[in-house]
Amino acid sequence: MSMALTAPPVADPLSGKDAPTRAQVHALVAPFARLSAFQGYKSFVVDLLLYALGIGAVLYFDNLAGKIAGGIAAGAALVNLGALLHEAAHRAVVPSRRGNKVIAVVSMTLCLFNYRLWIYDHHVLHHARTNVKGNNFLSPLTMAEYRAMSPLRRALYRAYHTPSGLGILPYFLIERWPTVHFWPGKWLPQRFRRSALGYTALQAVYAAALLTVLVTASSGGAVSALLCGFVLPYLIWYATFSMTVFLQHTHPDVRWYRDAASSPPDALSVHVGIPEWINHMSHYGLEHPVHHVSAAIPHYRLKEAQAALAGISTPPVIFLRFTPANLRDVVTRCRLYDYDAHAWTDFDGTVTARPLERGQLRPALRTAHDLQPGSADDTSPGIFFPAERGQAATRSPSQGERQTV
């Protein structure tokens, strides 16, 4: 039985209509895409100070308890910076284009993410190919693909789907971070590789500097400093990031797609519910469905925008309260996928869920070219960046990709 809940609707301005048009949806959320320099920079500075305080505590305290507390604070700051880097890359933190890039590059470097790889993977592949097989986080295999794998690869894939959810972090560390967030994999177009390698070097320099400081400047020993100042913060950050990305787009009620032409990105994300104080502290990063309608909405308006979207979305936005039981339900039911019948199955072929089509927020009449990597759509403000007036709705791949630079 699915553990999904439906978010309670707010007042419906479109009552009497079966489904809002895409224009109506965007008109409703557009007022929330107002940027504030004060609020944006304040969030960035506070997060930087929290990270510096955490690393400072690791260096200052002799006792292990103080170092652990510092490591937890640094890890929480990385989680917050992770939410900011996501928005800043969409130019949705402050009004200044250069300010957003500075926030994005600094935050990604501290988080050990590669700015150039993120831009292409997240903007061009994820937003234009949401829940498309092979282009997204932990894309489900078919039964035939699973059975064709070697015994070792099958065992690894099963480990990624352990009921506890503990396999999601190893998947990220083994399959994603090395070639999606650090070193440019073969999936990256050749013309972006030089830039990506520059950001790889930046990551390496920062990591080396941090490790050197922890080893040489800590008052309580190098091993404890490395564990509390490097391993613990990045464990917290990567575990949070991988769990977030998985739950935002994997659910028994969410479809996946074999190709981009059949994918309706606006409707393929889950609103994950967490305690309000954590939601606020982490910049409302889990208020995610409205982000796929307009990525131009900043974190300080996401909660209100998500509530507005929940009031008109047809069908209702999928809401999942984050609990161990709900996590277990998602991981155990969403293992393999039949892309033809649109059904989730277990490893023995047993059907565990049949998600219905939830793509009303995006029009059905789209050409395959519209969703190819590098193309953009001016009627979807913020999919890459806020739409620029006067540009054609359909761009060539090279033009669209240059928009992500």
Protein backbone atom coordinates (compact mmCIF):
# COMPACT_ATOMS: atom_id res chain seq x y z
CA MET A 1 0.00 0.00 0.00
CA SER A 2 1.38 3.41 -0.91
CA MET A 3 2.27 5.66 1.99
CA ALA A 4 1.78 8.80 -0.13
CA LEU A 5 -0.43 11.58 1.13
CA THR A 6 -1.98 14.39 -0.83
CA ALA A 7 -1.11 17.92 0.18
CA PRO A 8 -4.23 19.76 1.37
CA PRO A 9 -5.31 22.31 -1.26
CA VAL A 10 -5.46 26.02 -0.60
CA ALA A 11 -8.19 28.26 -1.97
CA ASP A 12 -8.71 27.36 -5.60
CA PRO A 13 -8.79 30.41 -7.88
CA LEU A 14 -9.69 28.20 -10.82
CA SER A 15 -12.59 26.32 -9.28
CA GLY A 16 -14.93 24.83 -11.78
CA LYS A 17 -12.21 23.91 -14.22
CA ASP A 18 -10.94 20.36 -14.47
CA ALA A 19 -7.32 21.35 -15.03
CA PRO A 20 -5.56 24.71 -15.23
CA THR A 21 -3.78 25.61 -18.40
CA ARG A 22 -0.03 25.97 -18.34
CA ALA A 23 -0.40 29.73 -18.73
CA GLN A 24 -2.66 29.87 -15.68
CA VAL A 25 -0.18 27.88 -13.61
CA HIS A 26 2.70 30.14 -14.56
CA ALA A 27 0.61 33.26 -13.99
CA LEU A 28 -0.17 32.05 -10.48
CA VAL A 29 3.43 31.37 -9.47
CA ALA A 30 5.06 34.24 -11.40
CA PRO A 31 4.61 36.81 -8.57
CA PHE A 32 6.75 34.61 -6.31
CA ALA A 33 9.78 34.97 -8.62
CA ARG A 34 10.75 38.31 -7.05
CA LEU A 35 14.37 38.46 -5.96
CA SER A 36 15.69 40.29 -2.91
CA ALA A 37 19.38 41.15 -2.63
CA PHE A 38 19.12 41.50 1.15
CA GLN A 39 17.43 38.14 1.74
CA GLY A 40 19.63 36.30 -0.75
CA TYR A 41 22.98 37.61 0.44
CA LYS A 42 21.90 37.24 4.07
CA SER A 43 21.27 33.52 3.57
CA PHE A 44 24.62 33.11 1.86
CA VAL A 45 26.60 34.98 4.54
CA VAL A 46 24.87 33.17 7.40
CA ASP A 47 25.62 29.80 5.81
CA LEU A 48 29.27 30.74 5.25
CA LEU A 49 29.60 31.87 8.86
CA LEU A 50 28.03 28.64 10.11
CA TYR A 51 30.48 26.60 8.04
CA ALA A 52 33.45 28.65 9.25
CA LEU A 53 32.24 28.33 12.83
CA GLY A 54 31.95 24.55 12.47
CA ILE A 55 35.44 24.13 11.01
CA GLY A 56 36.79 26.57 13.61
CA ALA A 57 35.31 24.46 16.40
CA VAL A 58 36.95 21.34 14.97
CA LEU A 59 40.29 23.12 15.00
CA TYR A 60 39.84 24.79 18.39
CA PHE A 61 38.47 22.11 20.69
CA ASP A 62 40.75 19.45 22.16
CA ASN A 63 37.92 17.17 23.26
CA LEU A 64 36.13 14.89 20.81
CA ALA A 65 32.65 16.15 21.74
CA GLY A 66 33.53 19.68 20.71
CA LYS A 67 35.00 18.49 17.43
CA ILE A 68 31.92 16.38 16.65
CA ALA A 69 29.65 19.36 17.37
CA GLY A 70 31.76 21.44 14.99
CA GLY A 71 31.58 18.75 12.32
CA ILE A 72 27.79 18.58 12.60
CA ALA A 73 27.54 22.36 12.30
CA ALA A 74 29.80 22.34 9.23
CA GLY A 75 27.72 19.54 7.70
CA ALA A 76 24.47 21.46 8.29
CA ALA A 77 26.04 24.50 6.65
CA LEU A 78 27.00 22.44 3.59
CA VAL A 79 23.40 21.22 3.32
CA ASN A 80 22.22 24.84 3.38
CA LEU A 81 24.85 25.89 0.85
CA GLY A 82 23.74 22.96 -1.31
CA ALA A 83 20.25 24.45 -1.48
CA LEU A 84 21.70 27.85 -2.35
CA LEU A 85 24.01 26.53 -5.07
CA HIS A 86 21.01 24.95 -6.74
CA GLU A 87 19.07 28.22 -6.77
CA ALA A 88 22.04 30.43 -7.57
CA ALA A 89 22.84 28.31 -10.64
CA HIS A 90 19.29 29.14 -11.79
CA ARG A 91 19.99 32.84 -11.04
CA ALA A 92 17.29 32.74 -8.38
CA VAL A 93 18.96 33.93 -5.14
CA VAL A 94 19.77 37.62 -5.77
CA PRO A 95 18.93 40.03 -8.61
CA SER A 96 22.54 40.28 -9.79
CA ARG A 97 23.62 37.78 -12.43
CA ARG A 98 27.24 38.02 -11.25
CA GLY A 99 26.17 37.74 -7.62
CA ASN A 100 24.30 34.52 -8.36
CA LYS A 101 27.34 33.07 -10.11
CA VAL A 102 29.61 33.95 -7.20
CA ILE A 103 27.20 32.32 -4.76
CA ALA A 104 26.93 29.26 -7.00
CA VAL A 105 30.67 28.79 -7.58
CA VAL A 106 31.68 29.42 -3.95
CA SER A 107 28.93 27.16 -2.60
CA MET A 108 29.71 24.38 -5.07
CA THR A 109 33.42 24.54 -4.32
CA LEU A 110 32.80 24.24 -0.58
CA CYS A 111 30.38 21.37 -1.29
CA LEU A 112 32.95 19.73 -3.62
CA PHE A 113 30.65 20.00 -6.62
CA ASN A 114 31.79 21.03 -10.09
CA TYR A 115 30.02 24.16 -11.33
CA ARG A 116 30.32 23.37 -15.06
CA LEU A 117 29.20 19.75 -14.64
CA TRP A 118 26.26 20.85 -12.51
CA ILE A 119 25.08 23.40 -15.09
CA TYR A 120 24.95 20.84 -17.89
CA ASP A 121 23.70 17.87 -15.85
CA HIS A 122 21.05 19.76 -13.91
CA HIS A 123 19.83 22.39 -16.36
CA VAL A 124 20.17 20.64 -19.69
CA LEU A 125 19.62 17.00 -18.75
CA HIS A 126 17.55 16.98 -15.57
CA HIS A 127 15.16 19.87 -16.22
CA ALA A 128 14.68 19.10 -19.90
CA ARG A 129 14.58 15.32 -19.35
CA THR A 130 13.01 14.93 -15.93
CA ASN A 131 12.57 11.26 -15.01
CA VAL A 132 13.91 10.16 -18.37
CA LYS A 133 15.81 6.90 -18.26
CA GLY A 134 19.57 7.30 -18.08
CA ASN A 135 19.55 11.06 -17.52
CA ASN A 136 18.63 11.21 -13.84
CA PHE A 137 19.52 10.02 -10.35
CA LEU A 138 19.14 6.25 -9.87
CA SER A 139 17.22 5.74 -13.11
CA PRO A 140 15.36 2.44 -12.68
CA LEU A 141 16.38 -0.51 -14.83
CA THR A 142 13.94 -2.77 -16.66
CA MET A 143 13.66 -6.42 -15.70
CA ALA A 144 15.49 -7.43 -18.90
CA GLU A 145 18.36 -5.02 -18.19
CA TYR A 146 18.63 -6.22 -14.61
CA ARG A 147 18.79 -9.88 -15.62
CA ALA A 148 21.41 -9.13 -18.29
CA MET A 149 23.80 -7.65 -15.72
CA SER A 150 26.69 -9.57 -14.21
CA PRO A 151 26.08 -11.13 -10.76
CA LEU A 152 28.27 -8.44 -9.18
CA ARG A 153 26.40 -5.58 -10.82
CA ARG A 154 23.05 -7.14 -9.87
CA ALA A 155 24.20 -7.42 -6.25
CA LEU A 156 25.30 -3.79 -6.30
CA TYR A 157 22.01 -2.62 -7.80
CA ARG A 158 20.10 -4.57 -5.14
CA ALA A 159 22.27 -2.97 -2.47
CA TYR A 160 21.29 0.45 -3.74
CA HIS A 161 17.66 -0.50 -3.05
CA THR A 162 17.99 -1.91 0.46
CA PRO A 163 14.78 -1.32 2.48
CA SER A 164 16.54 0.94 4.98
CA GLY A 165 17.50 3.41 2.26
CA LEU A 166 21.16 3.20 3.29
CA GLY A 167 22.13 2.12 -0.23
CA ILE A 168 21.26 5.49 -1.75
CA LEU A 169 24.41 7.19 -0.46
CA PRO A 170 26.76 4.47 -1.81
CA TYR A 171 25.02 4.80 -5.18
CA PHE A 172 25.80 8.52 -5.19
CA LEU A 173 29.42 8.04 -4.12
CA ILE A 174 30.09 5.22 -6.62
CA GLU A 175 27.93 6.07 -9.63
CA ARG A 176 27.38 9.83 -9.53
CA TRP A 177 29.90 11.97 -7.67
CA PRO A 178 33.10 10.86 -9.48
CA THR A 179 31.90 11.54 -13.04
CA VAL A 180 28.92 13.88 -12.55
CA HIS A 181 30.16 16.20 -9.79
CA PHE A 182 33.96 16.00 -9.94
CA TRP A 183 35.59 14.71 -13.13
CA PRO A 184 33.84 15.25 -16.50
CA GLY A 185 32.45 11.97 -17.77
CA LYS A 186 31.92 11.00 -21.40
CA TRP A 187 28.36 12.37 -21.23
CA LEU A 188 29.67 15.97 -21.19
CA PRO A 189 30.04 17.62 -24.64
CA GLN A 190 33.67 18.11 -25.62
CA ARG A 191 33.41 21.92 -25.78
CA PHE A 192 32.63 22.08 -22.05
CA ARG A 193 35.43 19.78 -20.88
CA ARG A 194 38.13 22.42 -20.56
CA SER A 195 35.92 24.59 -18.37
CA ALA A 196 34.87 21.56 -16.32
CA LEU A 197 38.48 20.55 -15.72
CA GLY A 198 39.17 24.05 -14.43
CA TYR A 199 36.45 23.64 -11.81
CA THR A 200 37.78 20.15 -11.02
CA ALA A 201 41.13 21.78 -10.25
CA LEU A 202 39.37 24.35 -8.06
CA GLN A 203 37.68 21.55 -6.10
CA ALA A 204 40.97 19.69 -5.68
CA VAL A 205 42.80 22.82 -4.48
CA TYR A 206 40.11 23.58 -1.93
CA ALA A 207 39.97 20.00 -0.66
CA ALA A 208 43.78 19.89 -0.35
CA ALA A 209 43.80 23.22 1.51
CA LEU A 210 41.09 22.10 3.91
CA LEU A 211 42.82 18.78 4.61
CA THR A 212 46.14 20.57 5.17
CA VAL A 213 44.60 22.98 7.67
CA LEU A 214 42.86 20.17 9.53
CA VAL A 215 46.06 18.15 9.78
CA THR A 216 48.42 20.97 10.72
CA ALA A 217 46.30 23.45 12.68
CA SER A 218 44.08 21.27 14.87
CA SER A 219 44.72 21.35 18.59
CA GLY A 220 43.55 17.81 19.24
CA GLY A 221 45.25 15.50 16.74
CA ALA A 222 45.12 15.03 13.00
CA VAL A 223 42.93 11.92 12.88
CA SER A 224 40.07 13.34 14.92
CA ALA A 225 40.30 16.60 12.99
CA LEU A 226 40.06 14.82 9.64
CA LEU A 227 37.17 12.67 10.80
CA CYS A 228 35.22 15.56 12.32
CA GLY A 229 36.21 18.35 9.92
CA PHE A 230 36.11 16.48 6.63
CA VAL A 231 34.52 13.03 6.78
CA LEU A 232 31.59 13.94 9.05
CA PRO A 233 30.51 17.18 7.29
CA TYR A 234 30.65 15.64 3.82
CA LEU A 235 28.92 12.49 5.03
CA ILE A 236 26.05 14.66 6.30
CA TRP A 237 25.95 16.72 3.10
CA TYR A 238 26.17 13.87 0.61
CA ALA A 239 23.70 11.69 2.53
CA THR A 240 21.20 14.55 2.64
CA PHE A 241 21.70 15.45 -1.01
CA SER A 242 21.39 11.89 -2.33
CA MET A 243 18.30 11.14 -0.22
CA THR A 244 16.70 14.41 -1.29
CA VAL A 245 17.28 13.89 -5.01
CA PHE A 246 16.04 10.30 -4.81
CA LEU A 247 12.80 11.09 -2.98
CA GLN A 248 12.01 14.15 -5.07
CA HIS A 249 11.67 12.07 -8.23
CA THR A 250 11.14 8.45 -7.20
CA HIS A 251 7.77 7.38 -5.79
CA PRO A 252 5.17 4.64 -6.46
CA ASP A 253 2.86 7.31 -7.90
CA VAL A 254 5.48 8.89 -10.18
CA ARG A 255 6.14 7.71 -13.72
CA TRP A 256 9.51 7.38 -15.42
CA TYR A 257 9.97 7.62 -19.18
CA ARG A 258 12.06 5.88 -21.79
CA ASP A 259 12.65 9.02 -23.90
CA ALA A 260 12.49 12.79 -23.56
CA ALA A 261 9.58 13.36 -25.94
CA SER A 262 7.14 11.56 -23.63
CA SER A 263 8.31 13.23 -20.41
CA PRO A 264 6.20 16.01 -18.84
CA PRO A 265 8.74 17.61 -16.45
CA ASP A 266 6.42 19.99 -14.61
CA ALA A 267 4.50 17.16 -12.97
CA LEU A 268 7.23 14.71 -12.02
CA SER A 269 8.43 15.72 -8.60
CA VAL A 270 7.37 14.99 -5.04
CA HIS A 271 6.80 17.41 -2.18
CA VAL A 272 8.72 15.79 0.70
CA GLY A 273 7.51 16.85 4.14
CA ILE A 274 9.99 17.42 6.99
CA PRO A 275 9.73 19.28 10.32
CA GLU A 276 9.18 22.98 9.75
CA TRP A 277 12.32 24.14 11.56
CA ILE A 278 14.50 21.90 9.40
CA ASN A 279 12.62 22.99 6.30
CA HIS A 280 13.27 26.64 7.13
CA MET A 281 16.91 26.11 8.08
CA SER A 282 17.63 24.23 4.85
CA HIS A 283 16.06 26.92 2.65
CA TYR A 284 12.89 24.97 1.76
CA GLY A 285 14.74 22.79 -0.72
CA LEU A 286 12.11 20.06 -0.46
CA GLU A 287 9.31 22.36 -1.67
CA HIS A 288 10.23 20.98 -5.06
CA PRO A 289 7.24 20.54 -7.41
CA VAL A 290 6.83 24.29 -7.90
CA HIS A 291 10.53 24.53 -8.79
CA HIS A 292 9.82 22.39 -11.86
CA VAL A 293 7.13 24.85 -12.87
CA SER A 294 9.42 27.86 -12.45
CA ALA A 295 13.03 27.58 -11.32
CA ALA A 296 13.12 31.38 -10.98
CA ILE A 297 11.46 31.31 -7.54
CA PRO A 298 13.93 31.98 -4.67
CA HIS A 299 14.02 29.90 -1.50
CA TYR A 300 12.51 32.69 0.60
CA ARG A 301 9.30 32.46 -1.46
CA LEU A 302 9.22 28.73 -2.22
CA LYS A 303 6.91 27.71 0.61
CA GLU A 304 4.20 30.17 -0.39
CA ALA A 305 4.62 29.33 -4.08
CA GLN A 306 4.33 25.61 -3.36
CA ALA A 307 1.13 26.19 -1.37
CA ALA A 308 -0.32 28.17 -4.26
CA LEU A 309 0.56 25.42 -6.73
CA ALA A 310 -1.02 22.78 -4.48
CA GLY A 311 -4.27 24.72 -4.65
CA ILE A 312 -4.69 24.42 -8.42
CA SER A 313 -2.65 21.39 -9.44
CA THR A 314 -4.70 18.71 -11.16
CA PRO A 315 -4.06 15.96 -10.18
CA PRO A 316 -2.98 17.00 -6.68
CA VAL A 317 0.72 17.38 -5.93
CA ILE A 318 2.20 14.18 -4.48
CA PHE A 319 3.15 14.70 -0.84
CA LEU A 320 5.36 12.29 1.10
CA ARG A 321 6.04 12.74 4.79
CA PHE A 322 9.66 11.78 5.42
CA THR A 323 9.58 8.89 7.88
CA PRO A 324 11.51 5.59 8.01
CA ALA A 325 8.33 3.71 7.09
CA ASN A 326 7.61 5.89 4.07
CA LEU A 327 11.24 5.69 2.94
CA ARG A 328 11.11 1.91 3.17
CA ASP A 329 7.89 1.86 1.17
CA VAL A 330 9.41 3.91 -1.67
CA VAL A 331 12.72 2.02 -1.82
CA THR A 332 11.13 -1.44 -1.75
CA ARG A 333 8.41 -0.67 -4.29
CA CYS A 334 10.48 1.38 -6.73
CA ARG A 335 13.20 -1.06 -7.79
CA LEU A 336 12.63 -1.94 -11.45
CA TYR A 337 10.38 -0.22 -13.97
CA ASP A 338 8.38 -1.35 -16.98
CA TYR A 339 8.59 1.69 -19.28
CA ASP A 340 6.02 0.28 -21.71
CA ALA A 341 3.31 -0.63 -19.20
CA HIS A 342 4.35 2.10 -16.74
CA ALA A 343 4.58 -0.15 -13.71
CA TRP A 344 7.04 -0.47 -10.84
CA THR A 345 8.13 -4.04 -10.13
CA ASP A 346 10.18 -5.96 -7.62
CA PHE A 347 13.25 -7.99 -8.58
CA ASP A 348 11.06 -11.06 -9.22
CA GLY A 349 8.76 -9.19 -11.60
CA THR A 350 5.92 -8.64 -9.14
CA VAL A 351 4.11 -5.37 -9.91
CA THR A 352 4.31 -3.08 -6.87
CA ALA A 353 2.66 0.07 -8.27
CA ARG A 354 1.05 1.42 -11.44
CA PRO A 355 1.52 5.20 -11.47
CA LEU A 356 -1.02 7.18 -13.46
CA GLU A 357 -0.12 9.95 -15.89
CA ARG A 358 0.28 13.20 -13.99
CA GLY A 359 1.44 15.43 -16.82
CA GLN A 360 -1.39 17.95 -17.11
CA LEU A 361 0.80 20.90 -16.15
CA ARG A 362 2.69 20.68 -19.41
CA PRO A 363 1.02 20.52 -22.83
CA ALA A 364 0.94 17.20 -24.59
CA LEU A 365 1.87 18.60 -28.00
CA ARG A 366 5.64 18.87 -27.78
CA THR A 367 8.13 17.80 -30.38
CA ALA A 368 11.09 15.60 -29.59
CA HIS A 369 13.41 18.49 -30.50
CA ASP A 370 11.90 20.68 -27.77
CA LEU A 371 13.28 18.34 -25.13
CA GLN A 372 16.70 17.60 -26.55
CA PRO A 373 19.69 18.58 -24.39
CA GLY A 374 20.46 22.22 -24.95
CA SER A 375 17.04 23.37 -26.07
CA ALA A 376 15.11 25.82 -23.95
CA ASP A 377 11.56 27.08 -23.75
CA ASP A 378 10.72 30.72 -23.10
CA THR A 379 7.25 29.77 -21.91
CA SER A 380 8.84 27.96 -18.96
CA PRO A 381 10.62 30.79 -17.14
CA GLY A 382 13.50 29.56 -15.06
CA ILE A 383 13.95 26.08 -16.49
CA PHE A 384 17.49 27.20 -17.19
CA PHE A 385 17.29 30.86 -16.20
CA PRO A 386 14.46 33.43 -16.26
CA ALA A 387 13.33 33.76 -19.85
CA GLU A 388 14.92 36.49 -21.92
CA ARG A 389 12.42 38.61 -23.81
CA GLY A 390 12.45 38.46 -27.58
CA GLN A 391 14.11 35.07 -27.92
CA ALA A 392 12.53 32.29 -29.91
CA ALA A 393 10.69 29.62 -27.98
CA THR A 394 12.74 26.86 -29.56
CA ARG A 395 16.51 27.22 -29.68
CA SER A 396 19.12 25.07 -31.28
CA PRO A 397 21.17 22.85 -28.95
CA SER A 398 24.27 25.00 -29.21
CA GLN A 399 22.36 28.17 -28.41
CA GLY A 400 20.50 26.62 -25.50
CA GLU A 401 23.66 25.20 -23.98
CA ARG A 402 25.37 28.55 -24.15
CA GLN A 403 22.54 29.90 -22.00
CA THR A 404 23.82 27.68 -19.18
CA VAL A 405 27.33 29.17 -19.13
